[in-house]
Amino acid sequence: MCQECKRRGMTTKGTIIHHKIEAREDLTLFWSADNLECICPACHNAEHPERSGGAKKVKPKTNVVKFYANNER
């Protein structure tokens, strides 16, 4: 059963396992059962519009530290 549809009071067959927090954001949660949910293809496409040709969803930036290489040794 699609968990996203269930939250909206609908009953839909879920066929895709979805990461609530994407793996690229936190790889430690990749196999965590608490981070996975079953959703239908329509809800999955809404969560990932960039995969079906739409624009990427804007996500709030977290505290990110970037490191760049330099020529010093």
Protein backbone atom coordinates (compact mmCIF):
# COMPACT_ATOMS: atom_id res chain seq x y z
CA MET A 1 0.00 0.00 0.00
CA CYS A 2 1.34 3.44 -0.93
CA GLN A 3 2.19 5.23 2.31
CA GLU A 4 1.99 8.69 0.74
CA CYS A 5 -1.53 8.06 -0.60
CA LYS A 6 -2.49 6.54 2.75
CA ARG A 7 -1.49 9.81 4.49
CA ARG A 8 -3.93 11.59 2.16
CA GLY A 9 -6.75 9.12 2.88
CA MET A 10 -6.52 7.16 -0.39
CA THR A 11 -5.83 3.48 -1.03
CA THR A 12 -3.31 2.80 -3.81
CA LYS A 13 -1.05 -0.16 -4.52
CA GLY A 14 2.57 0.70 -3.73
CA THR A 15 5.20 -0.89 -5.96
CA ILE A 16 8.33 1.19 -5.30
CA ILE A 17 10.53 1.30 -2.22
CA HIS A 18 11.45 4.93 -1.62
CA HIS A 19 14.13 6.49 0.60
CA LYS A 20 12.55 9.21 2.73
CA ILE A 21 16.00 10.84 3.09
CA GLU A 22 17.90 10.37 -0.15
CA ALA A 23 21.05 8.27 -0.10
CA ARG A 24 23.13 11.12 -1.53
CA GLU A 25 22.15 13.21 1.49
CA ASP A 26 22.95 10.59 4.15
CA LEU A 27 24.45 7.29 3.02
CA THR A 28 24.29 5.86 6.56
CA LEU A 29 20.47 5.68 6.24
CA PHE A 30 20.52 3.74 2.95
CA TRP A 31 19.56 0.36 4.48
CA SER A 32 17.69 1.72 7.51
CA ALA A 33 14.14 0.33 7.57
CA ASP A 34 12.98 3.58 9.21
CA ASN A 35 14.12 5.49 6.12
CA LEU A 36 12.26 3.29 3.61
CA GLU A 37 8.61 3.36 2.58
CA CYS A 38 6.49 1.77 -0.13
CA ILE A 39 4.91 4.24 -2.56
CA CYS A 40 3.11 4.11 -5.91
CA PRO A 41 4.73 5.25 -9.18
CA ALA A 42 2.68 8.47 -9.28
CA CYS A 43 3.89 9.52 -5.83
CA HIS A 44 7.45 8.52 -6.68
CA ASN A 45 7.35 10.66 -9.82
CA ALA A 46 6.05 13.56 -7.74
CA GLU A 47 8.95 13.07 -5.29
CA HIS A 48 11.50 12.94 -8.14
CA PRO A 49 10.23 15.18 -10.97
CA GLU A 50 13.75 15.46 -12.41
CA ARG A 51 13.61 11.78 -13.40
CA SER A 52 10.56 12.31 -15.60
CA GLY A 53 11.79 15.43 -17.36
CA GLY A 54 10.53 18.00 -14.85
CA ALA A 55 12.43 20.53 -12.80
CA LYS A 56 14.33 19.47 -9.69
CA LYS A 57 12.68 20.04 -6.35
CA VAL A 58 14.29 22.84 -4.36
CA LYS A 59 15.70 21.49 -1.13
CA PRO A 60 16.82 23.55 1.81
CA LYS A 61 20.58 23.73 2.08
CA THR A 62 22.15 22.11 5.08
CA ASN A 63 25.48 22.98 6.60
CA VAL A 64 27.82 21.85 3.83
CA VAL A 65 31.57 22.27 3.96
CA LYS A 66 33.36 22.05 0.63
CA PHE A 67 37.07 21.33 0.31
CA TYR A 68 39.07 22.24 -2.75
CA ALA A 69 42.54 21.08 -3.73
CA ASN A 70 45.31 23.63 -4.10
CA ASN A 71 48.84 23.55 -5.50
CA GLU A 72 50.57 23.64 -2.11
CA ARG A 73 52.41 20.58 -0.88
